[in-house]
Amino acid sequence: MDEKTKSLKKKVERSVFAGNRAAAAKELGSTRDPEAVPILIKALEDSSPKVKIAASDALGTLNDPAAVPYLIKMLDGPESTVKKTAIIALGKIGTPEAVSGIVNGFRDPDKFVQKESVKALMRIRSPEAVSGLTKAFAGSDSPLKRISIIALGKINTYEAGCGLIKALEDPDNRVRQQAVETLGKRGNPDVLADLMEALKDSRQPVQEAASEALRKIIASSGSVPVLIKALDATDRHVRKAAIEALWKTGTPEAVSALLRELDDADWYLRSRAADALADIASPEAAQGLVKALDTHENPVRKIIVNALGKIGTIEAVEGLVKALEDFDSSIREAAALGLGKTGKTEAVPGLLKALHDPKNAVQEAAAVSLGDLKAKEAVPELLKVLEDPEAMTHKAVIYALEKIGTPEAVSGLARALENHEASIRKAASKALEKVEKSGITLEKVKSLGTSGFEVSE
């Protein structure tokens, strides 16, 4: 023992003034001298709380496990400040024996002592400390359980996650809710299945907390298996988050999952899955959607057809042409319109056939799409329809001829100026005016022998 330690030892043991004894005890801690430990252990028996506090603090600084039993004994005393300092010292030492002593603080009637016990265990972060925090769940003190849950949330280990899961079984609704919220902030997908079970909790706030927690986990996870698992959640908001996360990944595995989601009981989620597949626009997405046309009911088939129109690949065109044979005319109409959006000339043969569909709406959609595709080869067939007095799609055909804009198309528009129906003459006149403004085939129009595009009433 050096002279300085001897001098401080003398002050701790013999000074009349408690302040001097406390100051000496504190300084002993700063010496880092192992021989100071027995002196400080003895000082824990001092009659003054100030000295006990200083001695406890110094023992924590010296970090000697030999002091643990004596610091634990301090927790049986009456002074809360002494107990708090002893717990902090035990937390610095952090041995399994120290952890056991800290857990004793949970039984203390002083809430501040309990809170200090939780904080000490949180700082230790060892498996023993995590186990100690979970012991709070065995009691009936809800505030203690809730702060223990918060502490576990700040320890990012598997053991801490298991502790939080244990809290999901607590009979107190507020405790379960706190556990769910903390699991969400923790953001680790290893508890996904447990949170999905929490969605079925009898209390709505717990369900809502589980939903929010799952969405946070989904948002921070790039793992496709995790996202696919989340599609099984009972909460539609969670499934929606999973769909949108899979949308961003766009992998073949994500596409397969999104195709399965076309079977979701929620119409909106089916639609979101289809939108995702349309945006991904991969060959796998197109082929999967085409295949799905054979297995889904009308509302879903319409969603699929709209998605194929957005994709616009050759595979999508093939699927849309196939959909032109659907027994539901609304599906055929959607398919015809979708083919126009693809921009692919491979769509033209199917659309020419659809010009003669039994339903006028499908015929009109086919004519409009042929115009959008500027399908020159469709002009002869469009002119036949335009000259057919029984046809009900003249206006759509006029739109198509205007869009195509070849001399033959414009000739047909000019002839439509002689139609017996005023509405058709007016539509043809407006179309020719647009042609004239654009300057396209203007000379051809003039050579037709028409003097302007006046509509005769």
Protein backbone atom coordinates (compact mmCIF):
# COMPACT_ATOMS: atom_id res chain seq x y z
CA MET A 1 0.00 0.00 0.00
CA ASP A 2 1.55 3.34 -1.04
CA GLU A 3 1.67 6.40 1.18
CA LYS A 4 -1.24 8.14 -0.54
CA THR A 5 -3.52 5.15 -0.03
CA LYS A 6 -2.41 4.90 3.60
CA SER A 7 -3.22 8.59 4.15
CA LEU A 8 -6.64 8.28 2.57
CA LYS A 9 -7.32 5.11 4.56
CA LYS A 10 -6.59 7.01 7.75
CA LYS A 11 -9.02 9.78 6.78
CA VAL A 12 -11.78 7.33 5.87
CA GLU A 13 -11.44 5.49 9.17
CA ARG A 14 -10.67 8.29 11.62
CA SER A 15 -11.88 11.66 10.38
CA VAL A 16 -14.55 13.15 12.60
CA PHE A 17 -16.28 14.89 9.70
CA ALA A 18 -18.41 12.78 7.39
CA GLY A 19 -17.62 15.12 4.50
CA ASN A 20 -13.90 14.45 4.88
CA ARG A 21 -14.47 10.70 5.09
CA ALA A 22 -16.62 10.81 1.95
CA ALA A 23 -14.04 12.90 0.06
CA ALA A 24 -11.29 10.46 1.02
CA ALA A 25 -13.39 7.49 -0.08
CA LYS A 26 -14.04 9.14 -3.42
CA GLU A 27 -10.34 9.85 -3.91
CA LEU A 28 -9.51 6.23 -3.11
CA GLY A 29 -11.55 5.22 -6.13
CA SER A 30 -9.51 7.50 -8.37
CA THR A 31 -6.23 5.93 -7.23
CA ARG A 32 -7.09 2.68 -9.05
CA ASP A 33 -5.21 0.93 -6.27
CA PRO A 34 -6.61 -2.61 -5.66
CA GLU A 35 -5.57 -2.30 -2.02
CA ALA A 36 -8.20 0.41 -1.65
CA VAL A 37 -10.99 -2.16 -2.10
CA PRO A 38 -10.99 -3.58 1.47
CA ILE A 39 -10.90 -0.02 2.88
CA LEU A 40 -13.91 1.00 0.80
CA ILE A 41 -15.82 -2.21 1.65
CA LYS A 42 -15.40 -1.39 5.30
CA ALA A 43 -16.52 2.21 4.62
CA LEU A 44 -19.86 0.82 3.41
CA GLU A 45 -20.64 0.30 7.11
CA ASP A 46 -20.10 3.98 7.92
CA SER A 47 -22.94 5.66 9.78
CA SER A 48 -23.11 8.48 7.22
CA PRO A 49 -25.04 7.97 3.95
CA LYS A 50 -22.58 10.37 2.29
CA VAL A 51 -19.69 8.05 3.03
CA LYS A 52 -21.64 4.97 1.92
CA ILE A 53 -22.47 6.68 -1.36
CA ALA A 54 -18.86 7.76 -1.93
CA ALA A 55 -17.57 4.28 -1.06
CA SER A 56 -20.08 2.57 -3.37
CA ASP A 57 -19.21 4.89 -6.22
CA ALA A 58 -15.49 4.29 -5.69
CA LEU A 59 -15.96 0.52 -5.66
CA GLY A 60 -17.80 0.76 -8.95
CA THR A 61 -14.89 2.71 -10.40
CA LEU A 62 -12.38 0.12 -9.13
CA ASN A 63 -14.54 -2.59 -10.75
CA ASP A 64 -13.49 -5.38 -8.39
CA PRO A 65 -15.90 -8.38 -8.20
CA ALA A 66 -14.86 -8.88 -4.59
CA ALA A 67 -17.02 -5.90 -3.68
CA VAL A 68 -20.22 -7.38 -5.15
CA PRO A 69 -21.60 -9.19 -2.04
CA TYR A 70 -21.09 -6.08 0.08
CA LEU A 71 -22.74 -3.78 -2.47
CA ILE A 72 -25.70 -6.18 -2.66
CA LYS A 73 -26.03 -5.98 1.12
CA MET A 74 -26.43 -2.21 0.79
CA LEU A 75 -29.74 -2.80 -1.03
CA ASP A 76 -31.30 -3.90 2.27
CA GLY A 77 -30.75 -0.50 3.85
CA PRO A 78 -33.28 2.31 4.26
CA GLU A 79 -31.59 5.09 2.22
CA SER A 80 -32.74 5.20 -1.41
CA THR A 81 -29.78 7.28 -2.55
CA VAL A 82 -27.37 4.71 -1.10
CA LYS A 83 -29.23 1.87 -2.80
CA LYS A 84 -29.22 3.70 -6.13
CA THR A 85 -25.46 4.27 -5.94
CA ALA A 86 -24.86 0.64 -5.00
CA ILE A 87 -26.90 -0.50 -8.01
CA ILE A 88 -24.91 1.80 -10.32
CA ALA A 89 -21.68 0.32 -8.90
CA LEU A 90 -22.96 -3.21 -9.44
CA GLY A 91 -23.85 -2.26 -12.99
CA LYS A 92 -20.28 -1.15 -13.63
CA ILE A 93 -18.89 -4.41 -12.30
CA GLY A 94 -21.46 -6.37 -14.34
CA THR A 95 -20.69 -9.93 -13.26
CA PRO A 96 -23.50 -12.54 -13.14
CA GLU A 97 -23.46 -12.22 -9.35
CA ALA A 98 -23.81 -8.43 -9.70
CA VAL A 99 -26.76 -8.93 -12.03
CA SER A 100 -28.50 -11.12 -9.45
CA GLY A 101 -28.09 -8.37 -6.91
CA ILE A 102 -29.40 -5.69 -9.23
CA VAL A 103 -32.54 -7.74 -9.89
CA ASN A 104 -33.23 -7.53 -6.15
CA GLY A 105 -33.82 -3.84 -6.75
CA PHE A 106 -37.05 -4.71 -8.56
CA ARG A 107 -38.59 -5.53 -5.20
CA ASP A 108 -37.71 -2.18 -3.68
CA PRO A 109 -40.71 0.03 -2.82
CA ASP A 110 -38.92 3.08 -4.23
CA LYS A 111 -39.71 3.49 -7.96
CA PHE A 112 -36.43 5.33 -8.53
CA VAL A 113 -34.48 2.37 -7.18
CA GLN A 114 -36.43 0.07 -9.52
CA LYS A 115 -35.71 2.37 -12.46
CA GLU A 116 -31.99 2.48 -11.61
CA SER A 117 -31.97 -1.34 -11.53
CA VAL A 118 -33.44 -1.46 -15.03
CA LYS A 119 -30.93 1.09 -16.32
CA ALA A 120 -28.02 -0.84 -14.81
CA LEU A 121 -29.09 -4.08 -16.47
CA MET A 122 -29.59 -2.29 -19.78
CA ARG A 123 -26.02 -0.98 -19.62
CA ILE A 124 -24.60 -4.44 -18.84
CA ARG A 125 -26.40 -5.96 -21.89
CA SER A 126 -25.16 -9.49 -21.13
CA PRO A 127 -27.43 -12.55 -21.51
CA GLU A 128 -27.66 -12.62 -17.70
CA ALA A 129 -28.74 -8.97 -17.67
CA VAL A 130 -31.39 -9.66 -20.31
CA SER A 131 -32.64 -12.59 -18.26
CA GLY A 132 -32.75 -10.29 -15.25
CA LEU A 133 -34.89 -7.75 -17.09
CA THR A 134 -37.38 -10.43 -18.09
CA LYS A 135 -37.82 -11.34 -14.43
CA ALA A 136 -39.76 -8.13 -14.06
CA PHE A 137 -42.57 -9.81 -16.04
CA ALA A 138 -43.12 -12.31 -13.23
CA GLY A 139 -44.46 -9.57 -10.95
CA SER A 140 -47.57 -7.44 -11.04
CA ASP A 141 -45.90 -4.02 -11.29
CA SER A 142 -46.96 -2.75 -14.72
CA PRO A 143 -44.78 0.42 -14.75
CA LEU A 144 -41.72 -1.69 -13.91
CA LYS A 145 -42.59 -4.14 -16.66
CA ARG A 146 -43.01 -1.34 -19.18
CA ILE A 147 -39.64 0.28 -18.45
CA SER A 148 -38.02 -3.17 -18.56
CA ILE A 149 -39.52 -3.63 -22.02
CA ILE A 150 -38.08 -0.31 -23.16
CA ALA A 151 -34.67 -1.37 -21.84
CA LEU A 152 -34.87 -4.70 -23.69
CA GLY A 153 -35.68 -2.79 -26.86
CA LYS A 154 -32.33 -1.02 -26.60
CA ILE A 155 -30.43 -4.31 -26.40
CA ASN A 156 -30.24 -5.63 -29.95
CA THR A 157 -29.67 -9.30 -29.21
CA TYR A 158 -31.67 -12.43 -29.88
CA GLU A 159 -32.13 -12.96 -26.14
CA ALA A 160 -33.60 -9.46 -25.79
CA GLY A 161 -36.02 -10.20 -28.62
CA CYS A 162 -37.12 -13.37 -26.85
CA GLY A 163 -37.68 -11.36 -23.68
CA LEU A 164 -39.93 -8.94 -25.53
CA ILE A 165 -41.87 -11.84 -27.03
CA LYS A 166 -42.42 -13.16 -23.52
CA ALA A 167 -43.98 -9.82 -22.62
CA LEU A 168 -46.59 -10.37 -25.36
CA GLU A 169 -48.17 -12.96 -23.05
CA ASP A 170 -48.65 -10.49 -20.20
CA PRO A 171 -52.24 -10.17 -18.92
CA ASP A 172 -51.93 -6.37 -18.83
CA ASN A 173 -53.01 -4.79 -22.13
CA ARG A 174 -50.68 -1.82 -21.68
CA VAL A 175 -47.70 -4.10 -21.15
CA ARG A 176 -48.49 -6.07 -24.31
CA GLN A 177 -48.91 -2.86 -26.25
CA GLN A 178 -45.57 -1.53 -25.00
CA ALA A 179 -43.90 -4.80 -26.01
CA VAL A 180 -45.35 -4.63 -29.50
CA GLU A 181 -44.34 -1.00 -29.99
CA THR A 182 -40.83 -1.74 -28.76
CA LEU A 183 -40.48 -4.71 -31.11
CA GLY A 184 -41.39 -2.40 -33.98
CA LYS A 185 -38.77 0.18 -33.00
CA ARG A 186 -36.22 -2.60 -32.69
CA GLY A 187 -36.93 -3.39 -36.34
CA ASN A 188 -35.56 -6.92 -36.35
CA PRO A 189 -37.50 -9.43 -38.49
CA ASP A 190 -36.64 -12.35 -36.18
CA VAL A 191 -39.90 -11.67 -34.31
CA LEU A 192 -42.12 -11.35 -37.38
CA ALA A 193 -44.19 -14.45 -36.63
CA ASP A 194 -44.83 -13.35 -33.05
CA LEU A 195 -45.96 -9.90 -34.12
CA MET A 196 -48.30 -11.45 -36.67
CA GLU A 197 -49.87 -13.40 -33.83
CA ALA A 198 -50.22 -10.14 -31.91
CA LEU A 199 -52.43 -8.89 -34.74
CA LYS A 200 -55.05 -11.29 -33.39
CA ASP A 201 -54.92 -9.82 -29.86
CA SER A 202 -58.30 -9.23 -28.24
CA ARG A 203 -57.54 -5.57 -27.63
CA GLN A 204 -57.54 -3.17 -30.58
CA PRO A 205 -54.65 -0.94 -29.40
CA VAL A 206 -52.43 -4.02 -29.26
CA GLN A 207 -53.53 -5.00 -32.77
CA GLU A 208 -52.81 -1.50 -34.04
CA ALA A 209 -49.41 -1.44 -32.36
CA ALA A 210 -48.58 -4.81 -33.94
CA SER A 211 -49.63 -3.54 -37.34
CA GLU A 212 -47.44 -0.45 -37.03
CA ALA A 213 -44.51 -2.50 -35.74
CA LEU A 214 -44.75 -4.93 -38.64
CA ARG A 215 -44.90 -2.09 -41.15
CA LYS A 216 -41.73 -0.59 -39.67
CA ILE A 217 -39.97 -3.95 -39.91
CA ILE A 218 -41.15 -4.39 -43.50
CA ALA A 219 -40.04 -0.89 -44.48
CA SER A 220 -36.51 -1.51 -43.21
CA SER A 221 -36.19 -5.06 -44.53
CA GLY A 222 -34.90 -5.91 -47.97
CA SER A 223 -35.37 -9.61 -47.40
CA VAL A 224 -37.85 -11.08 -49.87
CA PRO A 225 -38.53 -14.16 -47.67
CA VAL A 226 -39.46 -11.82 -44.80
CA LEU A 227 -41.76 -9.79 -47.06
CA ILE A 228 -43.39 -12.92 -48.45
CA LYS A 229 -44.07 -14.14 -44.92
CA ALA A 230 -45.71 -10.80 -44.11
CA LEU A 231 -48.25 -11.38 -46.90
CA ASP A 232 -49.91 -13.90 -44.57
CA ALA A 233 -50.72 -11.23 -41.99
CA THR A 234 -54.38 -10.79 -41.04
CA ASP A 235 -54.00 -7.00 -41.19
CA ARG A 236 -54.53 -5.49 -44.67
CA HIS A 237 -52.17 -2.58 -43.89
CA VAL A 238 -49.35 -5.02 -43.25
CA ARG A 239 -50.08 -6.91 -46.47
CA LYS A 240 -50.15 -3.63 -48.37
CA ALA A 241 -46.75 -2.66 -46.94
CA ALA A 242 -45.38 -6.06 -47.96
CA ILE A 243 -46.75 -5.71 -51.50
CA GLU A 244 -45.17 -2.30 -51.90
CA ALA A 245 -41.84 -3.50 -50.52
CA LEU A 246 -41.87 -6.48 -52.91
CA TRP A 247 -42.72 -4.02 -55.68
CA LYS A 248 -39.45 -2.18 -55.00
CA THR A 249 -37.34 -5.34 -55.05
CA GLY A 250 -38.73 -6.58 -58.36
CA THR A 251 -36.94 -9.93 -58.17
CA PRO A 252 -38.37 -13.13 -59.72
CA GLU A 253 -39.18 -14.33 -56.17
CA ALA A 254 -41.04 -11.06 -55.53
CA VAL A 255 -42.96 -11.48 -58.79
CA SER A 256 -44.06 -14.99 -57.79
CA ALA A 257 -45.32 -13.68 -54.45
CA LEU A 258 -47.17 -10.79 -56.08
CA LEU A 259 -48.84 -13.17 -58.52
CA ARG A 260 -50.13 -15.18 -55.56
CA GLU A 261 -51.38 -11.95 -54.02
CA LEU A 262 -53.83 -11.63 -56.93
CA ASP A 263 -55.89 -14.06 -54.83
CA ASP A 264 -56.03 -11.71 -51.83
CA ALA A 265 -59.49 -11.35 -50.32
CA ASP A 266 -59.13 -7.57 -50.43
CA TRP A 267 -59.95 -6.07 -53.83
CA TYR A 268 -57.66 -3.08 -53.33
CA LEU A 269 -54.69 -5.30 -52.49
CA ARG A 270 -55.32 -7.43 -55.58
CA SER A 271 -55.24 -4.21 -57.58
CA ARG A 272 -51.99 -3.07 -55.90
CA ALA A 273 -50.35 -6.41 -56.65
CA ALA A 274 -51.36 -6.10 -60.31
CA ASP A 275 -50.05 -2.52 -60.43
CA ALA A 276 -46.77 -3.75 -58.95
CA LEU A 277 -46.48 -6.49 -61.56
CA ALA A 278 -47.25 -4.00 -64.32
CA ASP A 279 -44.56 -1.65 -63.08
CA ILE A 280 -41.97 -4.43 -62.72
CA ALA A 281 -42.84 -5.40 -66.32
CA SER A 282 -40.46 -8.35 -66.41
CA PRO A 283 -41.08 -11.35 -68.71
CA GLU A 284 -41.86 -13.38 -65.56
CA ALA A 285 -44.48 -10.82 -64.52
CA ALA A 286 -46.11 -10.79 -67.96
CA GLN A 287 -46.11 -14.57 -68.29
CA GLY A 288 -47.49 -14.99 -64.80
CA LEU A 289 -50.31 -12.53 -65.46
CA VAL A 290 -51.20 -14.24 -68.74
CA LYS A 291 -51.35 -17.57 -66.95
CA ALA A 292 -53.49 -16.04 -64.21
CA LEU A 293 -56.15 -15.10 -66.77
CA ASP A 294 -57.21 -18.75 -66.86
CA THR A 295 -57.71 -19.11 -63.13
CA HIS A 296 -59.28 -15.93 -61.81
CA GLU A 297 -62.79 -14.54 -61.67
CA ASN A 298 -64.03 -11.58 -63.69
CA PRO A 299 -62.98 -8.66 -61.43
CA VAL A 300 -59.46 -10.05 -61.11
CA ARG A 301 -59.18 -10.81 -64.83
CA LYS A 302 -59.99 -7.17 -65.55
CA ILE A 303 -57.23 -6.04 -63.20
CA ILE A 304 -54.84 -8.47 -64.92
CA VAL A 305 -55.78 -7.21 -68.37
CA ASN A 306 -55.18 -3.60 -67.33
CA ALA A 307 -51.78 -4.59 -65.95
CA LEU A 308 -50.82 -6.38 -69.17
CA GLY A 309 -51.69 -3.24 -71.11
CA LYS A 310 -49.23 -1.26 -68.99
CA ILE A 311 -46.47 -3.85 -69.40
CA GLY A 312 -46.63 -3.80 -73.21
CA THR A 313 -44.18 -6.63 -73.89
CA ILE A 314 -44.73 -9.26 -76.58
CA GLU A 315 -45.81 -11.68 -73.83
CA ALA A 316 -48.33 -9.10 -72.64
CA VAL A 317 -49.67 -8.61 -76.18
CA GLU A 318 -50.18 -12.35 -76.52
CA GLY A 319 -52.12 -12.40 -73.26
CA LEU A 320 -54.30 -9.45 -74.30
CA VAL A 321 -55.07 -11.01 -77.67
CA LYS A 322 -56.08 -14.14 -75.78
CA ALA A 323 -58.33 -12.01 -73.58
CA LEU A 324 -60.16 -10.79 -76.68
CA GLU A 325 -61.83 -14.22 -76.64
CA ASP A 326 -63.07 -13.85 -73.05
CA PHE A 327 -66.76 -14.57 -72.48
CA ASP A 328 -67.08 -11.33 -70.51
CA SER A 329 -67.40 -8.36 -72.88
CA SER A 330 -65.95 -5.95 -70.30
CA ILE A 331 -62.76 -8.05 -70.27
CA ARG A 332 -62.66 -8.02 -74.08
CA GLU A 333 -63.13 -4.26 -74.08
CA ALA A 334 -60.33 -3.78 -71.53
CA ALA A 335 -58.08 -6.08 -73.56
CA ALA A 336 -58.75 -4.10 -76.76
CA LEU A 337 -57.92 -0.82 -75.04
CA GLY A 338 -54.85 -2.39 -73.44
CA LEU A 339 -53.53 -3.51 -76.83
CA GLY A 340 -53.60 0.08 -77.98
CA LYS A 341 -51.40 1.08 -75.05
CA THR A 342 -48.75 -1.53 -75.82
CA GLY A 343 -47.51 0.24 -78.97
CA LYS A 344 -46.87 -3.14 -80.58
CA THR A 345 -47.87 -3.87 -84.21
CA GLU A 346 -48.36 -7.51 -83.20
CA ALA A 347 -51.61 -6.33 -81.62
CA VAL A 348 -53.16 -5.32 -84.97
CA PRO A 349 -54.48 -8.72 -86.19
CA GLY A 350 -56.34 -9.30 -82.94
CA LEU A 351 -57.79 -5.78 -82.98
CA LEU A 352 -58.97 -6.17 -86.58
CA LYS A 353 -60.86 -9.24 -85.49
CA ALA A 354 -62.26 -7.38 -82.50
CA LEU A 355 -63.69 -4.74 -84.86
CA HIS A 356 -66.42 -7.30 -85.53
CA ASP A 357 -67.05 -8.31 -81.91
CA PRO A 358 -70.73 -8.81 -81.01
CA LYS A 359 -70.53 -5.93 -78.52
CA ASN A 360 -70.33 -2.32 -79.71
CA ALA A 361 -68.12 -1.32 -76.77
CA VAL A 362 -65.49 -3.87 -77.83
CA GLN A 363 -65.70 -2.71 -81.45
CA GLU A 364 -65.18 0.90 -80.39
CA ALA A 365 -62.23 -0.03 -78.15
CA ALA A 366 -60.64 -1.95 -81.05
CA ALA A 367 -61.08 1.01 -83.43
CA VAL A 368 -59.59 3.46 -80.90
CA SER A 369 -56.61 1.20 -80.29
CA LEU A 370 -55.96 0.77 -84.01
CA GLY A 371 -55.84 4.55 -84.21
CA ASP A 372 -53.48 4.78 -81.22
CA LEU A 373 -51.21 2.26 -82.92
CA LYS A 374 -51.44 4.24 -86.22
CA ALA A 375 -52.06 0.89 -87.90
CA LYS A 376 -51.97 1.72 -91.65
CA GLU A 377 -52.88 -1.85 -92.55
CA ALA A 378 -56.15 -1.41 -90.67
CA VAL A 379 -57.41 1.42 -92.92
CA PRO A 380 -59.27 -0.78 -95.47
CA GLU A 381 -61.16 -2.59 -92.68
CA LEU A 382 -61.89 0.68 -90.87
CA LEU A 383 -63.27 2.19 -94.08
CA LYS A 384 -65.59 -0.80 -94.51
CA VAL A 385 -66.98 -0.18 -91.04
CA LEU A 386 -67.31 3.53 -91.71
CA GLU A 387 -69.31 2.85 -94.89
CA ASP A 388 -71.53 0.28 -93.21
CA PRO A 389 -74.83 2.04 -92.40
CA GLU A 390 -75.63 -0.58 -89.77
CA ALA A 391 -72.41 -0.05 -87.82
CA MET A 392 -72.62 1.73 -84.47
CA THR A 393 -68.95 2.66 -84.17
CA HIS A 394 -68.55 5.37 -86.79
CA LYS A 395 -67.19 7.99 -84.40
CA ALA A 396 -64.54 5.64 -83.02
CA VAL A 397 -63.54 4.71 -86.58
CA ILE A 398 -63.30 8.41 -87.51
CA TYR A 399 -60.99 8.95 -84.53
CA ALA A 400 -58.82 6.03 -85.70
CA LEU A 401 -58.63 7.27 -89.31
CA GLU A 402 -57.65 10.74 -88.13
CA LYS A 403 -54.87 9.29 -85.95
CA ILE A 404 -53.58 7.07 -88.77
CA GLY A 405 -53.63 10.01 -91.20
CA THR A 406 -52.64 8.26 -94.43
CA PRO A 407 -54.10 9.55 -97.74
CA GLU A 408 -56.46 6.58 -97.82
CA ALA A 409 -57.62 7.31 -94.27
CA VAL A 410 -58.22 10.98 -95.08
CA SER A 411 -60.13 10.01 -98.22
CA GLY A 412 -62.45 7.96 -96.07
CA LEU A 413 -62.96 10.90 -93.74
CA ALA A 414 -63.81 13.13 -96.67
CA ARG A 415 -66.40 10.65 -97.92
CA ALA A 416 -67.93 10.61 -94.43
CA LEU A 417 -68.87 14.27 -95.00
CA GLU A 418 -71.67 12.92 -97.18
CA ASN A 419 -73.05 10.60 -94.49
CA HIS A 420 -76.77 10.97 -93.86
CA GLU A 421 -76.22 11.39 -90.09
CA ALA A 422 -75.31 14.93 -89.01
CA SER A 423 -73.31 13.74 -85.98
CA ILE A 424 -71.06 11.62 -88.19
CA ARG A 425 -70.62 14.46 -90.70
CA LYS A 426 -69.67 16.77 -87.84
CA ALA A 427 -67.16 14.29 -86.41
CA ALA A 428 -65.60 13.77 -89.85
CA SER A 429 -65.37 17.51 -90.41
CA LYS A 430 -63.59 18.09 -87.08
CA ALA A 431 -61.21 15.26 -87.85
CA LEU A 432 -60.37 16.74 -91.26
CA GLU A 433 -59.83 20.16 -89.70
CA LYS A 434 -57.24 18.61 -87.40
CA VAL A 435 -55.63 16.94 -90.42
CA GLU A 436 -55.57 20.27 -92.24
CA LYS A 437 -53.97 22.06 -89.25
CA SER A 438 -51.29 19.41 -89.05
CA GLY A 439 -50.57 19.74 -92.79
CA ILE A 440 -50.61 15.98 -93.22
CA THR A 441 -51.84 14.79 -96.68
CA LEU A 442 -53.39 18.21 -97.26
CA GLU A 443 -52.79 18.07 -101.02
CA LYS A 444 -54.47 14.68 -101.17
CA VAL A 445 -57.49 16.04 -99.38
CA LYS A 446 -57.76 18.97 -101.80
CA SER A 447 -57.54 16.64 -104.77
CA LEU A 448 -60.66 14.90 -103.60
CA GLY A 449 -62.70 17.68 -105.09
CA THR A 450 -64.11 18.92 -101.80
CA SER A 451 -64.23 22.64 -101.27
CA GLY A 452 -63.20 22.88 -97.64
CA PHE A 453 -64.75 20.82 -94.85
CA GLU A 454 -68.09 22.44 -94.43
CA VAL A 455 -70.76 20.32 -92.81
CA SER A 456 -74.06 20.32 -94.64
CA GLU A 457 -77.01 20.18 -92.26
